[in-house]
Amino acid sequence: MDIAAIESRRHAIKRRMAALDRLSTSDARALDKAMTEMCALYAEYARSTVALVAFEAYRTLVERTPEDTGRARTSWNLGAEPSDAVPPAGDYPEFRGDVSAAVEQAIAKVGADAELFSITSDLDYMPFLEAGWSEQAPAGFIALTFREAAEQLGQMAREA
């Protein structure tokens, strides 16, 4: 499921929750059914919101990572579990310039239904890139990306 599909699903969930919120009934079974559905929708909405923020953070990290050979960009791992995988030295043209296809492929592997999202890079020089040793990101980019993701998640939670 790609980012656009997750956003579309979130909107559909919000519409259904609004419809259930307007429901007026004196039938206990109908009320129970509506409440059960509302709880399931809230859970799905929360999971899809977390997935959306995680996938956007991953995309942003990859795009903001300084590029030369593409190795630093390809070192970002997105998964349900942390990974210590590090790409060998070399040229990674799919991670230079437009990285949309590579990012979408990584997102598709994980899927929006995961219970946990982990974004890691064990590349030995990543801390130096974050410290501003690259002219492409002199103020760093990792802390900024995760700060923005936390703010986005908080905003989306308030809108639910």
Protein backbone atom coordinates (compact mmCIF):
# COMPACT_ATOMS: atom_id res chain seq x y z
CA MET A 1 0.00 0.00 0.00
CA ASP A 2 1.50 3.33 -1.02
CA ILE A 3 1.23 6.68 0.78
CA ALA A 4 -1.64 7.90 -1.41
CA ALA A 5 -3.63 4.72 -0.70
CA ILE A 6 -3.06 5.13 3.04
CA GLU A 7 -4.27 8.74 2.91
CA SER A 8 -7.31 7.69 0.90
CA ARG A 9 -8.13 4.96 3.44
CA ARG A 10 -7.75 7.42 6.33
CA HIS A 11 -10.25 9.77 4.67
CA ALA A 12 -12.71 6.92 4.11
CA ILE A 13 -12.39 5.90 7.76
CA LYS A 14 -13.03 9.48 8.90
CA ARG A 15 -16.15 9.67 6.73
CA ARG A 16 -17.48 6.39 8.17
CA MET A 17 -16.70 7.48 11.74
CA ALA A 18 -18.58 10.74 11.12
CA ALA A 19 -21.57 8.78 9.81
CA LEU A 20 -21.54 6.51 12.86
CA ASP A 21 -21.20 9.54 15.12
CA ARG A 22 -24.44 10.92 13.68
CA LEU A 23 -26.29 7.63 14.24
CA SER A 24 -29.29 7.88 16.49
CA THR A 25 -30.96 4.70 17.66
CA SER A 26 -32.84 3.29 20.60
CA ASP A 27 -32.02 -0.29 19.56
CA ALA A 28 -29.36 -1.71 21.88
CA ARG A 29 -28.07 -4.19 19.29
CA ALA A 30 -27.71 -1.49 16.63
CA LEU A 31 -25.91 0.72 19.14
CA ASP A 32 -23.59 -2.13 20.15
CA LYS A 33 -22.83 -2.87 16.50
CA ALA A 34 -22.09 0.81 15.80
CA MET A 35 -19.86 1.13 18.87
CA THR A 36 -17.93 -2.03 17.94
CA GLU A 37 -17.42 -0.73 14.42
CA MET A 38 -16.37 2.69 15.73
CA CYS A 39 -13.73 1.10 17.99
CA ALA A 40 -12.35 -0.95 15.09
CA LEU A 41 -12.29 2.14 12.88
CA TYR A 42 -10.42 4.17 15.50
CA ALA A 43 -7.82 1.40 15.80
CA GLU A 44 -7.41 1.20 12.03
CA TYR A 45 -7.22 4.98 11.78
CA ALA A 46 -4.50 5.11 14.43
CA ARG A 47 -2.47 2.36 12.73
CA SER A 48 -2.79 3.99 9.32
CA THR A 49 -1.78 7.36 10.77
CA VAL A 50 1.36 5.90 12.32
CA ALA A 51 2.17 4.09 9.06
CA LEU A 52 1.69 7.28 7.07
CA VAL A 53 3.98 9.28 9.34
CA ALA A 54 6.62 6.52 9.38
CA PHE A 55 6.59 6.18 5.60
CA GLU A 56 6.77 9.97 5.11
CA ALA A 57 9.66 10.15 7.57
CA TYR A 58 11.50 7.39 5.71
CA ARG A 59 10.93 9.13 2.36
CA THR A 60 12.09 12.46 3.79
CA LEU A 61 15.21 10.91 5.36
CA VAL A 62 16.23 9.25 2.12
CA GLU A 63 15.66 12.47 0.16
CA ARG A 64 17.50 14.65 2.68
CA THR A 65 20.48 12.32 3.04
CA PRO A 66 23.46 13.83 1.22
CA GLU A 67 24.23 11.96 -1.96
CA ASP A 68 27.42 11.16 -3.76
CA THR A 69 27.37 7.48 -4.69
CA GLY A 70 23.92 6.88 -3.17
CA ARG A 71 25.35 4.57 -0.51
CA ALA A 72 24.27 6.74 2.43
CA ARG A 73 20.76 7.01 1.04
CA THR A 74 20.46 3.28 0.41
CA SER A 75 21.70 2.55 3.94
CA TRP A 76 18.36 3.60 5.42
CA ASN A 77 16.41 0.51 6.45
CA LEU A 78 12.65 0.56 6.85
CA GLY A 79 11.10 -2.46 8.48
CA ALA A 80 9.05 -3.92 11.27
CA GLU A 81 12.30 -4.69 13.12
CA PRO A 82 15.55 -2.72 13.40
CA SER A 83 18.20 -3.74 10.90
CA ASP A 84 21.96 -3.47 11.04
CA ALA A 85 22.35 -4.15 7.32
CA VAL A 86 24.88 -1.84 5.66
CA PRO A 87 25.30 -1.68 1.90
CA PRO A 88 28.82 -2.39 0.66
CA ALA A 89 30.83 0.45 -0.81
CA GLY A 90 29.80 1.10 -4.38
CA ASP A 91 27.60 3.12 -6.67
CA TYR A 92 23.82 3.11 -6.11
CA PRO A 93 22.28 5.06 -9.00
CA GLU A 94 18.71 4.22 -7.91
CA PHE A 95 19.37 6.30 -4.78
CA ARG A 96 20.67 9.38 -6.60
CA GLY A 97 18.35 12.08 -7.82
CA ASP A 98 14.71 11.00 -7.76
CA VAL A 99 14.40 8.18 -5.22
CA SER A 100 10.62 7.74 -5.47
CA ALA A 101 10.73 4.25 -6.97
CA ALA A 102 13.24 2.95 -4.41
CA VAL A 103 11.26 4.49 -1.53
CA GLU A 104 7.95 3.06 -2.76
CA GLN A 105 9.56 -0.37 -3.08
CA ALA A 106 10.78 -0.25 0.54
CA ILE A 107 7.35 0.92 1.74
CA ALA A 108 5.60 -1.87 -0.16
CA LYS A 109 7.84 -4.48 1.51
CA VAL A 110 6.80 -3.34 4.98
CA GLY A 111 3.13 -2.63 4.34
CA ALA A 112 0.78 -0.40 6.27
CA ASP A 113 -0.47 -3.21 8.52
CA ALA A 114 2.79 -3.62 10.43
CA GLU A 115 2.51 -3.20 14.19
CA LEU A 116 5.93 -1.56 14.45
CA PHE A 117 7.99 0.62 12.14
CA SER A 118 11.73 0.94 12.44
CA ILE A 119 13.93 3.32 10.44
CA THR A 120 17.64 2.71 10.92
CA SER A 121 21.02 3.23 9.32
CA ASP A 122 24.17 1.64 10.67
CA LEU A 123 26.41 3.29 8.09
CA ASP A 124 29.65 4.17 9.84
CA TYR A 125 29.77 7.74 8.56
CA MET A 126 26.08 8.60 9.04
CA PRO A 127 26.78 10.39 12.36
CA PHE A 128 29.24 12.62 10.53
CA LEU A 129 26.64 13.48 7.88
CA GLU A 130 24.17 14.33 10.65
CA ALA A 131 26.82 16.49 12.31
CA GLY A 132 26.99 18.61 9.17
CA TRP A 133 30.17 17.33 7.55
CA SER A 134 28.46 17.42 4.16
CA GLU A 135 27.86 20.71 2.41
CA GLN A 136 24.56 19.22 1.22
CA ALA A 137 23.24 19.10 4.80
CA PRO A 138 25.39 21.43 6.91
CA ALA A 139 22.75 21.64 9.65
CA GLY A 140 22.04 17.91 9.74
CA PHE A 141 18.84 16.22 8.66
CA ILE A 142 18.04 13.21 10.86
CA ALA A 143 16.95 15.00 14.05
CA LEU A 144 15.03 17.53 11.96
CA THR A 145 13.16 14.78 10.12
CA PHE A 146 12.16 12.95 13.29
CA ARG A 147 11.16 16.20 15.01
CA GLU A 148 8.91 17.00 12.04
CA ALA A 149 7.47 13.46 12.12
CA ALA A 150 6.65 13.79 15.82
CA GLU A 151 4.94 17.13 15.17
CA GLN A 152 3.01 15.65 12.23
CA LEU A 153 1.87 12.68 14.31
CA GLY A 154 0.72 14.99 17.11
CA GLN A 155 -1.18 17.18 14.67
CA MET A 156 -2.85 14.20 13.02
CA ALA A 157 -3.83 12.77 16.43
CA ARG A 158 -5.46 16.07 17.37
CA GLU A 159 -7.44 16.04 14.11
CA ALA A 160 -8.83 12.53 14.67
